[in-house]
Amino acid sequence: MTFSIDTQAERKNISPLVYGYNAYADGTGRAGWANQGGQASLQSLNLRSRRLGGNNMTSYNWENGVSNSGADWCNSSNAGVSATAGAGNPSQSNGLAYYAPGAALQSFQDQSLVLGTYSLLQLPAAGKLPKDIVNVNPPGTCMGSQLWQSTAGPSDVDVGRWVNIVNDKPAAAGALSLSPGVNDGAVYIDEEINFLTQKYGAAASANGIKGYELDNEPDLWHHWTTSSGDSGTHANLYPQVTTVTDVILRNIALATTVKRMDASAETYGPALSGYLGLFSLWAVWDGSQSHQPADWAQFNVEPYASNNTGDRYRYNGMTMATAYLARMQQASQGAGRRLLDVFSFHYYPQASYNATDRVHAARSLWDSTYVEPSWITQSGNGFTDGRGLQMLPKLQQAINDFYPGTKLAVTEYDFGGKTDITGAIAQADALGAFGKQGVYLATYFGDAENFIASGFKIFRNYDGNKSVFPEISVKALSGNNANAAVYAAVSASDPNTVHVIAINRLSSSLNSSFQISHPVSLKSAQVWGVSGNNTTITSRSGLNSIAQNKFSYSLPARSVLHFVLRP
């Protein structure tokens, strides 16, 4: 194996925000600082961004802290977001005021300030929010009438249990309040943003919320009913079947409100759930034309399909992405200001459910030579038809063609493998790809612990002293992407030191030759790595000499190593 590195070629800044995580993704019932392993564990990761978002945030009522789990758990209205974020248990003696206004948001932002991270907050756009909690102490299983939410049904049937989302509070409703009423049938989004800017300042200030995401996974709000009875994550609070037009109009309206309230805040959208959402909005599309959005024929046309090039693989079929970008640019031109700063999507790979596939899974983000073993890439299915997904470069091409200057974010992703070295390999490979491909922000969704933590630390705290992979990515090529990956970087403050991260995907050791083109001679090296069954990153030996900026090294089986090379 040969790794070739040129520190003067392909230089680009790595956004520090790619080293991020979702704040309430913990699945073990832990709350507040205990979520994600506790304060000390989080600080040891040395991450730079946090997102408060997900399915439950689509239904988070900031006025009283209630959220609705939708299809994720029995359509129950509950305290899930507030409790997990660290706001404590809901009040049982204060009527509908289960929590103080914005309690979960404050807990989230206060933790972000301690950690020194950029905060991305998801705002609701789907139309309705839950009003109340029936049983503060619910049963542990779905038992119909005993649930917080009454029997499943669209929000226009169970009208007493929901309130309307209104982006802009009308003058007739009074001035923006820091203590909104919970009985007026409406939740005002400008009032929520005002609440946050009054407490923390605008995004441009030191403590402000930096970005707002325009809801979450609209491709899963309410889709056609599948043979198993699934009709989407939030079919109760969003009773109509989703259309492309409605998603775009809701994003435009919410972005307009955000920019009016805080012009310095960044907006993110549309937070689609993955490749199929980017393809046609329909995350569960099965090839039937009747199982696509009712208005899809308006968007599955040129220039969205290929930018009039005739190349149906220019964007690998991600026509929803191009149509969204084009319409957001058009709306921005009409508004006289940029309404979308960052195009966001989620990525949960279809081929990462075992160790063999997982070590390659991150290659679908960038590698044209990698055709993942999934139904998405199979010939004849109408997606990539035997081609690599190349998610990041294809989406960057869409941005360049339809809304230049828009940044790119992956606001949820998870390759699995938390308890296996392949999890560290996939996590490190993804972080390297995010930096090299120019992603602006990426926030892992899951427990950032065990081997996932190792994948983060190899970039952000490889020596236990919070030393980091530097901020300027440089050219780095692997002689065989199927066997190994390599990423390299230098720092503006220390341009002579070269950092190299090498990943061995194989289940056997790999003899490797490193050839580095660099203006100065490199003479010394330190090596840190993770491999085997131990999640701890340890100092490694085995690099005896560097001659003419070349050296050899045997990479351990399934390992991630960080080389620090100095003059």
Protein backbone atom coordinates (compact mmCIF):
# COMPACT_ATOMS: atom_id res chain seq x y z
CA MET A 1 0.00 0.00 0.00
CA THR A 2 1.29 3.45 -0.92
CA PHE A 3 -0.03 6.68 0.56
CA SER A 4 0.88 9.84 -1.40
CA ILE A 5 0.65 13.24 0.30
CA ASP A 6 1.38 16.70 -1.12
CA THR A 7 1.09 19.50 1.43
CA GLN A 8 1.07 22.23 -1.23
CA ALA A 9 -1.77 20.80 -3.32
CA GLU A 10 -5.56 20.78 -2.88
CA ARG A 11 -5.32 23.00 0.18
CA LYS A 12 -8.64 23.95 1.71
CA ASN A 13 -9.83 24.94 5.15
CA ILE A 14 -11.57 22.29 7.22
CA SER A 15 -14.65 23.65 8.97
CA PRO A 16 -14.35 22.89 12.70
CA LEU A 17 -18.11 22.43 12.79
CA VAL A 18 -17.84 18.99 11.16
CA TYR A 19 -16.82 17.73 14.59
CA GLY A 20 -20.27 17.79 16.15
CA TYR A 21 -23.08 15.71 17.64
CA ASN A 22 -26.80 15.77 18.38
CA ALA A 23 -27.51 16.75 21.95
CA TYR A 24 -30.42 14.52 22.90
CA ALA A 25 -29.81 11.39 20.86
CA ASP A 26 -28.99 9.27 23.90
CA GLY A 27 -31.11 6.12 23.88
CA THR A 28 -30.55 4.96 27.45
CA GLY A 29 -32.88 7.31 29.33
CA ARG A 30 -30.07 9.50 30.67
CA ALA A 31 -30.80 13.21 30.94
CA GLY A 32 -28.91 16.49 30.95
CA TRP A 33 -25.16 16.15 31.36
CA ALA A 34 -25.53 12.39 31.89
CA ASN A 35 -26.79 12.19 28.32
CA GLN A 36 -23.94 11.14 25.98
CA GLY A 37 -21.84 9.91 28.91
CA GLY A 38 -21.59 13.00 31.11
CA GLN A 39 -19.84 16.35 31.09
CA ALA A 40 -16.30 15.03 31.44
CA SER A 41 -16.83 12.55 28.59
CA LEU A 42 -18.28 15.23 26.34
CA GLN A 43 -15.45 17.65 27.12
CA SER A 44 -12.90 14.95 26.33
CA LEU A 45 -14.34 14.69 22.81
CA ASN A 46 -13.42 18.36 22.23
CA LEU A 47 -16.21 18.83 19.69
CA ARG A 48 -17.19 22.09 18.06
CA SER A 49 -20.91 21.92 17.23
CA ARG A 50 -24.18 20.64 18.72
CA ARG A 51 -27.66 20.26 17.30
CA LEU A 52 -30.91 20.04 19.21
CA GLY A 53 -33.06 18.34 16.61
CA GLY A 54 -34.82 15.17 15.58
CA ASN A 55 -38.30 13.73 15.26
CA ASN A 56 -39.48 14.95 18.67
CA MET A 57 -38.30 18.50 17.96
CA THR A 58 -40.79 18.68 15.07
CA SER A 59 -43.43 18.73 17.81
CA TYR A 60 -41.61 20.62 20.60
CA ASN A 61 -43.86 23.29 22.12
CA TRP A 62 -41.44 25.82 23.57
CA GLU A 63 -44.17 27.50 25.63
CA ASN A 64 -44.72 24.57 27.99
CA GLY A 65 -42.15 21.92 27.07
CA VAL A 66 -44.51 19.27 25.63
CA SER A 67 -43.45 17.24 22.58
CA ASN A 68 -45.09 14.41 20.68
CA SER A 69 -43.32 11.16 19.80
CA GLY A 70 -45.46 10.45 16.76
CA ALA A 71 -44.98 7.00 15.27
CA ASP A 72 -41.68 6.61 17.14
CA TRP A 73 -43.63 5.82 20.29
CA CYS A 74 -47.41 5.48 20.26
CA ASN A 75 -48.24 9.04 19.11
CA SER A 76 -47.81 10.10 22.72
CA SER A 77 -47.55 13.73 23.86
CA ASN A 78 -44.94 13.78 26.57
CA ALA A 79 -41.99 15.46 28.24
CA GLY A 80 -39.40 13.58 26.19
CA VAL A 81 -37.44 16.52 24.77
CA SER A 82 -37.54 18.59 27.96
CA ALA A 83 -36.57 15.79 30.32
CA THR A 84 -33.79 14.41 28.13
CA ALA A 85 -32.36 17.87 27.49
CA GLY A 86 -31.96 18.31 31.23
CA ALA A 87 -34.96 20.45 32.17
CA GLY A 88 -36.13 17.98 34.82
CA ASN A 89 -39.55 16.38 35.28
CA PRO A 90 -42.78 18.13 34.27
CA SER A 91 -44.86 19.95 36.86
CA GLN A 92 -48.02 18.08 37.85
CA SER A 93 -49.66 21.03 39.62
CA ASN A 94 -49.40 23.99 37.25
CA GLY A 95 -52.02 23.24 34.61
CA LEU A 96 -50.64 23.31 31.08
CA ALA A 97 -47.43 24.99 32.25
CA TYR A 98 -45.46 21.78 32.66
CA TYR A 99 -42.17 23.65 32.24
CA ALA A 100 -41.07 27.27 32.18
CA PRO A 101 -40.99 28.65 28.61
CA GLY A 102 -38.03 27.36 26.64
CA ALA A 103 -36.65 25.29 29.53
CA ALA A 104 -35.19 22.62 27.22
CA LEU A 105 -33.73 25.27 24.91
CA GLN A 106 -32.02 26.97 27.82
CA SER A 107 -30.60 23.71 29.10
CA PHE A 108 -29.25 22.95 25.64
CA GLN A 109 -27.69 26.36 25.11
CA ASP A 110 -26.23 26.58 28.61
CA GLN A 111 -24.45 23.26 28.01
CA SER A 112 -23.23 24.46 24.61
CA LEU A 113 -21.71 27.53 26.23
CA VAL A 114 -19.87 25.37 28.75
CA LEU A 115 -18.59 23.13 25.95
CA GLY A 116 -17.75 26.06 23.67
CA THR A 117 -19.77 24.68 20.75
CA TYR A 118 -21.78 26.19 17.92
CA SER A 119 -25.52 25.65 18.55
CA LEU A 120 -27.94 24.58 15.83
CA LEU A 121 -31.58 24.58 16.96
CA GLN A 122 -34.42 22.96 15.04
CA LEU A 123 -37.63 24.98 14.72
CA PRO A 124 -41.06 23.45 13.97
CA ALA A 125 -42.76 23.95 10.60
CA ALA A 126 -45.21 21.07 10.18
CA GLY A 127 -48.24 23.05 11.31
CA LYS A 128 -49.32 21.93 14.78
CA LEU A 129 -47.83 21.27 18.22
CA PRO A 130 -49.12 19.24 21.18
CA LYS A 131 -50.96 21.16 23.87
CA ASP A 132 -51.02 18.86 26.87
CA ILE A 133 -49.94 15.72 28.71
CA VAL A 134 -52.71 13.46 29.99
CA ASN A 135 -50.69 10.99 32.05
CA VAL A 136 -47.48 12.40 33.50
CA ASN A 137 -46.56 8.84 34.54
CA PRO A 138 -47.56 6.70 31.54
CA PRO A 139 -47.47 2.94 31.16
CA GLY A 140 -44.36 1.39 29.68
CA THR A 141 -46.14 0.00 26.63
CA CYS A 142 -48.70 1.27 24.16
CA MET A 143 -52.10 0.70 25.80
CA GLY A 144 -54.52 2.88 23.86
CA SER A 145 -56.52 5.20 26.12
CA GLN A 146 -53.90 5.04 28.87
CA LEU A 147 -51.43 6.91 26.71
CA TRP A 148 -50.80 10.63 26.97
CA GLN A 149 -52.14 11.12 23.46
CA SER A 150 -55.67 9.86 22.93
CA THR A 151 -56.46 7.38 20.20
CA ALA A 152 -54.52 7.95 17.01
CA GLY A 153 -56.12 10.30 14.53
CA PRO A 154 -55.30 13.41 12.55
CA SER A 155 -55.00 16.68 14.41
CA ASP A 156 -58.18 18.07 12.91
CA VAL A 157 -60.08 15.23 14.62
CA ASP A 158 -58.42 15.51 18.02
CA VAL A 159 -58.47 19.29 17.80
CA GLY A 160 -58.48 19.95 21.53
CA ARG A 161 -55.07 18.38 21.96
CA TRP A 162 -53.15 20.56 19.51
CA VAL A 163 -52.24 24.21 18.95
CA ASN A 164 -51.31 25.94 15.70
CA ILE A 165 -47.84 27.06 14.70
CA VAL A 166 -47.85 30.73 13.64
CA ASN A 167 -44.51 32.05 12.38
CA ASP A 168 -45.24 35.75 12.89
CA LYS A 169 -47.29 36.98 15.82
CA PRO A 170 -49.98 39.40 14.60
CA ALA A 171 -50.25 42.81 16.21
CA ALA A 172 -53.75 41.94 17.38
CA ALA A 173 -52.26 39.22 19.61
CA GLY A 174 -50.07 41.72 21.45
CA ALA A 175 -46.34 42.29 21.74
CA LEU A 176 -43.79 39.48 21.80
CA SER A 177 -43.74 38.03 25.29
CA LEU A 178 -41.13 36.21 27.34
CA SER A 179 -43.98 34.50 29.22
CA PRO A 180 -46.43 33.43 26.50
CA GLY A 181 -49.93 32.28 27.32
CA VAL A 182 -50.54 28.55 26.93
CA ASN A 183 -54.31 28.79 26.32
CA ASP A 184 -54.48 30.96 23.20
CA GLY A 185 -54.36 28.07 20.71
CA ALA A 186 -51.17 29.27 19.00
CA VAL A 187 -47.41 29.06 19.36
CA TYR A 188 -45.51 31.94 17.76
CA ILE A 189 -42.09 31.17 16.27
CA ASP A 190 -40.92 34.79 16.22
CA GLU A 191 -41.74 34.88 19.93
CA GLU A 192 -39.57 31.79 20.47
CA ILE A 193 -36.62 33.36 18.61
CA ASN A 194 -37.13 36.61 20.50
CA PHE A 195 -37.06 34.66 23.77
CA LEU A 196 -33.66 33.23 22.83
CA THR A 197 -32.13 36.45 21.53
CA GLN A 198 -33.28 38.33 24.63
CA LYS A 199 -31.57 35.76 26.85
CA TYR A 200 -28.44 34.95 24.83
CA GLY A 201 -28.13 37.69 22.23
CA ALA A 202 -28.27 37.43 18.47
CA ALA A 203 -26.31 34.81 16.57
CA ALA A 204 -23.51 37.30 15.94
CA SER A 205 -22.96 37.73 19.67
CA ALA A 206 -20.71 35.48 21.73
CA ASN A 207 -23.51 33.50 23.39
CA GLY A 208 -26.23 33.47 20.74
CA ILE A 209 -27.85 30.50 18.98
CA LYS A 210 -25.84 30.40 15.75
CA GLY A 211 -28.18 28.52 13.44
CA TYR A 212 -31.78 27.39 13.03
CA GLU A 213 -32.87 24.30 11.09
CA LEU A 214 -36.16 24.49 9.21
CA ASP A 215 -37.71 21.46 10.90
CA ASN A 216 -36.71 17.82 10.37
CA GLU A 217 -37.22 15.06 7.81
CA PRO A 218 -40.34 16.41 6.07
CA ASP A 219 -40.15 13.43 3.72
CA LEU A 220 -41.30 11.34 6.68
CA TRP A 221 -43.98 13.63 8.15
CA HIS A 222 -46.88 11.93 6.36
CA HIS A 223 -46.45 9.68 3.35
CA TRP A 224 -48.58 7.07 1.62
CA THR A 225 -49.66 4.21 3.87
CA THR A 226 -47.44 1.19 3.34
CA SER A 227 -48.56 -2.44 3.45
CA SER A 228 -47.43 -2.58 7.08
CA GLY A 229 -49.64 0.40 8.00
CA ASP A 230 -46.84 2.95 8.29
CA SER A 231 -47.97 6.40 7.19
CA GLY A 232 -45.10 8.54 8.45
CA THR A 233 -43.57 9.88 11.63
CA HIS A 234 -46.05 12.67 12.30
CA ALA A 235 -49.30 11.82 10.51
CA ASN A 236 -51.28 12.99 13.55
CA LEU A 237 -49.97 16.54 13.78
CA TYR A 238 -49.60 16.89 10.01
CA PRO A 239 -52.81 15.31 8.68
CA GLN A 240 -52.38 16.00 4.94
CA VAL A 241 -50.06 13.83 2.83
CA THR A 242 -46.84 15.74 2.21
CA THR A 243 -46.16 17.50 -1.07
CA VAL A 244 -43.00 19.09 -2.40
CA THR A 245 -44.72 22.46 -2.74
CA ASP A 246 -45.85 22.49 0.87
CA VAL A 247 -42.40 21.61 2.20
CA ILE A 248 -40.76 24.35 0.13
CA LEU A 249 -43.35 26.99 1.07
CA ARG A 250 -43.08 26.13 4.76
CA ASN A 251 -39.29 26.37 4.58
CA ILE A 252 -39.45 29.73 2.83
CA ALA A 253 -41.92 31.12 5.36
CA LEU A 254 -39.96 29.92 8.38
CA ALA A 255 -36.63 31.10 6.95
CA THR A 256 -38.14 34.53 6.34
CA THR A 257 -39.19 34.73 9.98
CA VAL A 258 -35.75 33.66 11.21
CA LYS A 259 -33.99 36.28 9.09
CA ARG A 260 -36.43 38.98 10.22
CA MET A 261 -35.81 38.16 13.87
CA ASP A 262 -32.05 37.58 13.66
CA ALA A 263 -30.38 38.52 10.39
CA SER A 264 -27.07 37.12 11.65
CA ALA A 265 -28.44 33.62 12.22
CA GLU A 266 -27.75 30.86 9.71
CA THR A 267 -30.66 28.86 8.30
CA TYR A 268 -30.45 25.15 7.50
CA GLY A 269 -32.83 23.07 5.40
CA PRO A 270 -34.54 20.89 4.35
CA ALA A 271 -33.04 18.19 6.65
CA LEU A 272 -34.25 15.34 4.43
CA SER A 273 -33.90 11.86 5.91
CA GLY A 274 -31.51 10.42 3.33
CA TYR A 275 -30.96 9.51 -0.29
CA LEU A 276 -34.61 8.70 -1.11
CA GLY A 277 -35.80 12.00 0.33
CA LEU A 278 -33.22 13.77 -1.81
CA PHE A 279 -34.39 11.71 -4.79
CA SER A 280 -38.10 12.60 -4.77
CA LEU A 281 -39.08 13.65 -1.19
CA TRP A 282 -40.64 10.19 -0.77
CA ALA A 283 -38.37 8.42 1.70
CA VAL A 284 -40.36 5.20 1.30
CA TRP A 285 -40.85 5.34 -2.47
CA ASP A 286 -41.14 1.82 -3.92
CA GLY A 287 -41.14 2.60 -7.63
CA SER A 288 -44.87 3.19 -7.96
CA GLN A 289 -45.81 6.52 -9.47
CA SER A 290 -48.82 6.62 -7.16
CA HIS A 291 -46.40 6.45 -4.23
CA GLN A 292 -44.73 9.77 -5.00
CA PRO A 293 -45.83 13.27 -3.94
CA ALA A 294 -49.00 14.41 -5.72
CA ASP A 295 -47.10 17.31 -7.29
CA TRP A 296 -43.92 15.43 -8.17
CA ALA A 297 -44.52 15.80 -11.93
CA GLN A 298 -44.00 19.56 -11.52
CA PHE A 299 -40.47 19.01 -10.19
CA ASN A 300 -39.22 15.88 -11.93
CA VAL A 301 -38.38 17.95 -15.00
CA GLU A 302 -35.57 20.06 -16.41
CA PRO A 303 -33.62 21.92 -15.33
CA TYR A 304 -33.89 20.06 -12.01
CA ALA A 305 -33.20 16.60 -13.46
CA SER A 306 -29.84 17.34 -15.10
CA ASN A 307 -29.50 21.13 -15.47
CA ASN A 308 -30.35 20.63 -19.15
CA THR A 309 -27.22 18.54 -19.73
CA GLY A 310 -29.05 15.29 -20.50
CA ASP A 311 -26.88 13.48 -17.93
CA ARG A 312 -29.37 11.76 -15.62
CA TYR A 313 -26.53 10.88 -13.23
CA ARG A 314 -25.25 14.45 -12.87
CA TYR A 315 -26.81 14.48 -9.39
CA ASN A 316 -27.36 10.71 -9.18
CA GLY A 317 -31.10 11.31 -9.37
CA MET A 318 -31.30 13.64 -6.35
CA THR A 319 -33.85 15.87 -8.09
CA MET A 320 -35.65 16.91 -4.91
CA ALA A 321 -32.39 18.49 -3.76
CA THR A 322 -31.94 20.51 -6.95
CA ALA A 323 -35.58 21.63 -7.05
CA TYR A 324 -35.42 22.74 -3.42
CA LEU A 325 -32.21 24.70 -3.98
CA ALA A 326 -33.60 26.39 -7.09
CA ARG A 327 -36.82 27.42 -5.35
CA MET A 328 -34.96 28.70 -2.27
CA GLN A 329 -32.72 30.80 -4.49
CA GLN A 330 -35.74 32.15 -6.35
CA ALA A 331 -37.42 33.05 -3.04
CA SER A 332 -34.23 34.69 -1.81
CA GLN A 333 -34.04 36.86 -4.90
CA GLY A 334 -37.62 37.94 -4.33
CA ALA A 335 -36.94 38.69 -0.67
CA GLY A 336 -33.77 40.66 -1.41
CA ARG A 337 -31.75 38.54 1.03
CA ARG A 338 -30.39 35.02 1.28
CA LEU A 339 -33.00 32.82 2.95
CA LEU A 340 -31.03 29.55 3.00
CA ASP A 341 -27.46 29.51 4.24
CA VAL A 342 -26.87 25.77 4.55
CA PHE A 343 -28.36 22.82 2.67
CA SER A 344 -28.81 20.03 5.23
CA PHE A 345 -29.54 16.33 4.90
CA HIS A 346 -29.27 13.15 6.97
CA TYR A 347 -27.28 10.06 6.14
CA TYR A 348 -27.94 6.60 7.53
CA PRO A 349 -26.26 4.23 5.07
CA GLN A 350 -28.09 1.23 3.68
CA ALA A 351 -24.91 -0.88 3.78
CA SER A 352 -23.39 -0.69 7.26
CA TYR A 353 -25.21 -3.37 9.21
CA ASN A 354 -22.22 -5.69 9.54
CA ALA A 355 -18.51 -5.24 10.10
CA THR A 356 -17.54 -6.11 6.53
CA ASP A 357 -19.76 -3.43 5.02
CA ARG A 358 -19.28 -0.87 7.78
CA VAL A 359 -15.56 -0.37 7.15
CA HIS A 360 -16.47 0.77 3.62
CA ALA A 361 -19.74 2.61 4.31
CA ALA A 362 -18.32 6.14 4.52
CA ARG A 363 -16.94 5.73 1.00
CA SER A 364 -20.47 6.33 -0.33
CA LEU A 365 -20.02 9.92 0.80
CA TRP A 366 -17.29 10.58 -1.77
CA ASP A 367 -15.68 7.62 -3.57
CA SER A 368 -16.79 7.20 -7.19
CA THR A 369 -15.16 3.75 -7.31
CA TYR A 370 -17.24 2.39 -4.43
CA VAL A 371 -20.62 0.89 -5.32
CA GLU A 372 -22.18 -0.08 -2.01
CA PRO A 373 -23.96 -3.45 -1.82
CA SER A 374 -27.45 -2.04 -1.43
CA TRP A 375 -30.65 -1.86 -3.46
CA ILE A 376 -30.02 1.85 -4.11
CA THR A 377 -27.04 1.14 -6.35
CA GLN A 378 -28.40 -1.93 -8.11
CA SER A 379 -28.78 -1.64 -11.87
CA GLY A 380 -32.35 -1.43 -13.04
CA ASN A 381 -33.74 0.19 -9.88
CA GLY A 382 -33.56 3.67 -11.39
CA PHE A 383 -31.32 5.33 -8.82
CA THR A 384 -27.56 5.09 -9.52
CA ASP A 385 -27.83 1.92 -11.66
CA GLY A 386 -24.48 0.47 -10.67
CA ARG A 387 -22.71 3.76 -9.94
CA GLY A 388 -21.26 4.99 -6.66
CA LEU A 389 -23.48 7.30 -4.63
CA GLN A 390 -20.89 10.10 -4.14
CA MET A 391 -23.30 11.93 -1.86
CA LEU A 392 -21.11 14.93 -1.04
CA PRO A 393 -19.67 15.82 -4.48
CA LYS A 394 -23.04 15.25 -6.17
CA LEU A 395 -24.83 17.54 -3.70
CA GLN A 396 -22.05 20.12 -4.02
CA GLN A 397 -22.60 20.02 -7.78
CA ALA A 398 -26.31 20.63 -7.19
CA ILE A 399 -25.47 23.63 -5.00
CA ASN A 400 -23.07 25.04 -7.58
CA ASP A 401 -25.70 24.71 -10.30
CA PHE A 402 -28.81 25.92 -8.46
CA TYR A 403 -27.86 28.05 -5.43
CA PRO A 404 -24.14 28.92 -5.44
CA GLY A 405 -22.64 29.94 -2.12
CA THR A 406 -24.90 27.66 -0.07
CA LYS A 407 -23.00 25.59 2.47
CA LEU A 408 -23.49 21.85 3.00
CA ALA A 409 -24.32 20.07 6.27
CA VAL A 410 -25.01 16.53 7.45
CA THR A 411 -27.13 17.18 10.53
CA GLU A 412 -27.71 13.51 11.36
CA TYR A 413 -25.62 10.46 10.52
CA ASP A 414 -24.63 7.15 12.09
CA PHE A 415 -22.66 4.25 10.64
CA GLY A 416 -23.12 2.00 13.69
CA GLY A 417 -20.42 -0.07 15.35
CA LYS A 418 -20.33 1.66 18.73
CA THR A 419 -19.00 -1.50 20.40
CA ASP A 420 -16.70 -2.59 17.57
CA ILE A 421 -13.49 -1.23 16.05
CA THR A 422 -15.32 -0.92 12.72
CA GLY A 423 -17.35 1.87 14.35
CA ALA A 424 -14.16 3.86 14.94
CA ILE A 425 -13.06 3.19 11.36
CA ALA A 426 -16.35 4.38 9.86
CA GLN A 427 -16.56 7.40 12.16
CA ALA A 428 -12.99 8.50 11.43
CA ASP A 429 -13.44 7.91 7.70
CA ALA A 430 -16.59 10.07 7.72
CA LEU A 431 -14.89 12.90 9.63
CA GLY A 432 -11.98 12.83 7.23
CA ALA A 433 -14.35 12.93 4.26
CA PHE A 434 -16.40 15.79 5.73
CA GLY A 435 -13.24 17.89 6.12
CA LYS A 436 -11.74 17.02 2.76
CA GLN A 437 -15.02 17.48 0.84
CA GLY A 438 -15.73 20.93 2.30
CA VAL A 439 -18.75 20.11 4.50
CA TYR A 440 -19.61 23.03 6.76
CA LEU A 441 -21.25 21.20 9.70
CA ALA A 442 -21.85 17.57 10.64
CA THR A 443 -23.55 16.33 13.80
CA TYR A 444 -23.47 12.64 14.68
CA PHE A 445 -26.80 11.20 15.90
CA GLY A 446 -26.32 8.57 18.58
CA ASP A 447 -24.33 7.91 21.73
CA ALA A 448 -20.88 9.46 21.19
CA GLU A 449 -19.19 6.83 23.32
CA ASN A 450 -16.98 3.72 23.09
CA PHE A 451 -15.56 3.27 19.57
CA ILE A 452 -17.55 6.24 18.23
CA ALA A 453 -15.73 8.39 20.77
CA SER A 454 -12.46 6.87 19.53
CA GLY A 455 -13.30 7.94 15.99
CA PHE A 456 -13.84 11.50 17.19
CA LYS A 457 -10.80 11.60 19.48
CA ILE A 458 -8.36 10.47 16.80
CA PHE A 459 -9.11 13.89 15.25
CA ARG A 460 -9.87 15.99 18.33
CA ASN A 461 -7.98 14.57 21.33
CA TYR A 462 -5.59 11.90 20.12
CA ASP A 463 -3.04 12.40 22.93
CA GLY A 464 -5.34 13.11 25.88
CA ASN A 465 -4.29 16.78 25.86
CA LYS A 466 -6.88 17.89 23.31
CA SER A 467 -4.36 18.08 20.50
CA VAL A 468 -6.17 18.09 17.17
CA PHE A 469 -5.94 17.28 13.49
CA PRO A 470 -5.19 20.74 12.02
CA GLU A 471 -7.40 23.00 9.95
CA ILE A 472 -5.91 22.97 6.43
CA SER A 473 -6.65 19.83 4.41
CA VAL A 474 -4.02 18.88 1.84
CA LYS A 475 -3.83 16.34 -0.96
CA ALA A 476 -3.73 12.76 0.28
CA LEU A 477 -4.28 9.67 -1.86
CA SER A 478 -4.55 6.00 -1.00
CA GLY A 479 -3.21 3.51 -3.51
CA ASN A 480 -6.29 1.37 -2.93
CA ASN A 481 -9.42 2.87 -1.37
CA ALA A 482 -10.87 -0.59 -0.78
CA ASN A 483 -8.04 -1.44 1.60
CA ALA A 484 -7.20 1.85 3.23
CA ALA A 485 -7.98 5.57 3.48
CA VAL A 486 -5.71 8.51 4.20
CA TYR A 487 -6.29 12.13 5.22
CA ALA A 488 -3.64 14.80 5.77
CA ALA A 489 -3.53 18.37 7.07
CA VAL A 490 -1.27 21.17 8.24
CA SER A 491 -1.84 24.19 10.45
CA ALA A 492 -1.37 27.86 9.56
CA SER A 493 0.33 28.37 12.93
CA ASP A 494 2.69 25.40 12.43
CA PRO A 495 2.96 24.84 8.66
CA ASN A 496 6.02 22.61 8.83
CA THR A 497 4.36 19.86 10.91
CA VAL A 498 2.32 17.36 8.92
CA HIS A 499 -0.57 15.33 10.35
CA VAL A 500 -1.63 12.14 8.60
CA ILE A 501 -4.55 9.87 9.52
CA ALA A 502 -4.34 6.42 7.96
CA ILE A 503 -7.16 3.85 8.14
CA ASN A 504 -6.68 0.13 7.56
CA ARG A 505 -10.02 -1.44 6.62
CA LEU A 506 -8.57 -4.95 6.39
CA SER A 507 -8.79 -7.65 9.06
CA SER A 508 -5.03 -8.21 8.65
CA SER A 509 -2.06 -5.88 9.05
CA LEU A 510 -1.07 -3.74 6.07
CA ASN A 511 2.50 -2.86 5.13
CA SER A 512 2.42 0.72 3.92
CA SER A 513 4.73 3.23 2.29
CA PHE A 514 4.16 6.94 2.98
CA GLN A 515 5.52 9.38 0.40
CA ILE A 516 5.21 13.04 1.40
CA SER A 517 5.90 16.06 -0.78
CA HIS A 518 6.67 18.88 1.66
CA PRO A 519 8.87 22.02 1.54
CA VAL A 520 10.96 20.97 4.55
CA SER A 521 12.54 17.68 5.60
CA LEU A 522 10.60 15.69 8.15
CA LYS A 523 12.77 13.97 10.72
CA SER A 524 10.68 12.87 13.72
CA ALA A 525 7.32 11.27 14.25
CA GLN A 526 4.79 10.37 16.88
CA VAL A 527 2.10 7.81 16.19
CA TRP A 528 -1.22 7.42 18.00
CA GLY A 529 -3.89 4.88 17.21
CA VAL A 530 -6.87 2.70 18.03
CA SER A 531 -7.27 -0.95 17.06
CA GLY A 532 -8.46 -4.29 18.35
CA ASN A 533 -10.90 -4.42 21.25
CA ASN A 534 -9.57 -1.41 23.17
CA THR A 535 -11.33 1.93 22.69
CA THR A 536 -8.39 3.84 24.16
CA ILE A 537 -6.13 5.71 21.75
CA THR A 538 -2.56 4.79 22.61
CA SER A 539 0.94 5.85 21.59
CA ARG A 540 2.41 3.44 19.02
CA SER A 541 5.93 2.44 18.05
CA GLY A 542 7.30 1.01 14.83
CA LEU A 543 8.32 4.10 12.88
CA ASN A 544 12.11 3.94 12.96
CA SER A 545 13.27 6.47 10.38
CA ILE A 546 12.15 9.05 7.82
CA ALA A 547 14.36 9.49 4.75
CA GLN A 548 13.63 12.08 2.07
CA ASN A 549 10.14 12.48 3.56
CA LYS A 550 9.38 8.80 3.04
CA PHE A 551 8.82 6.06 5.56
CA SER A 552 7.25 2.64 5.95
CA TYR A 553 4.84 1.45 8.57
CA SER A 554 2.80 -1.67 9.27
CA LEU A 555 -0.77 -0.64 10.01
CA PRO A 556 -2.42 -3.01 12.51
CA ALA A 557 -5.48 -4.95 11.41
CA ARG A 558 -8.60 -2.73 11.35
CA SER A 559 -7.02 0.36 12.81
CA VAL A 560 -6.99 4.14 12.69
CA LEU A 561 -3.61 5.82 13.20
CA HIS A 562 -2.68 9.49 13.57
CA PHE A 563 0.89 10.37 12.55
CA VAL A 564 2.43 13.68 13.67
CA LEU A 565 5.50 14.36 11.53
CA ARG A 566 7.91 17.16 12.42
CA PRO A 567 11.13 18.66 10.98
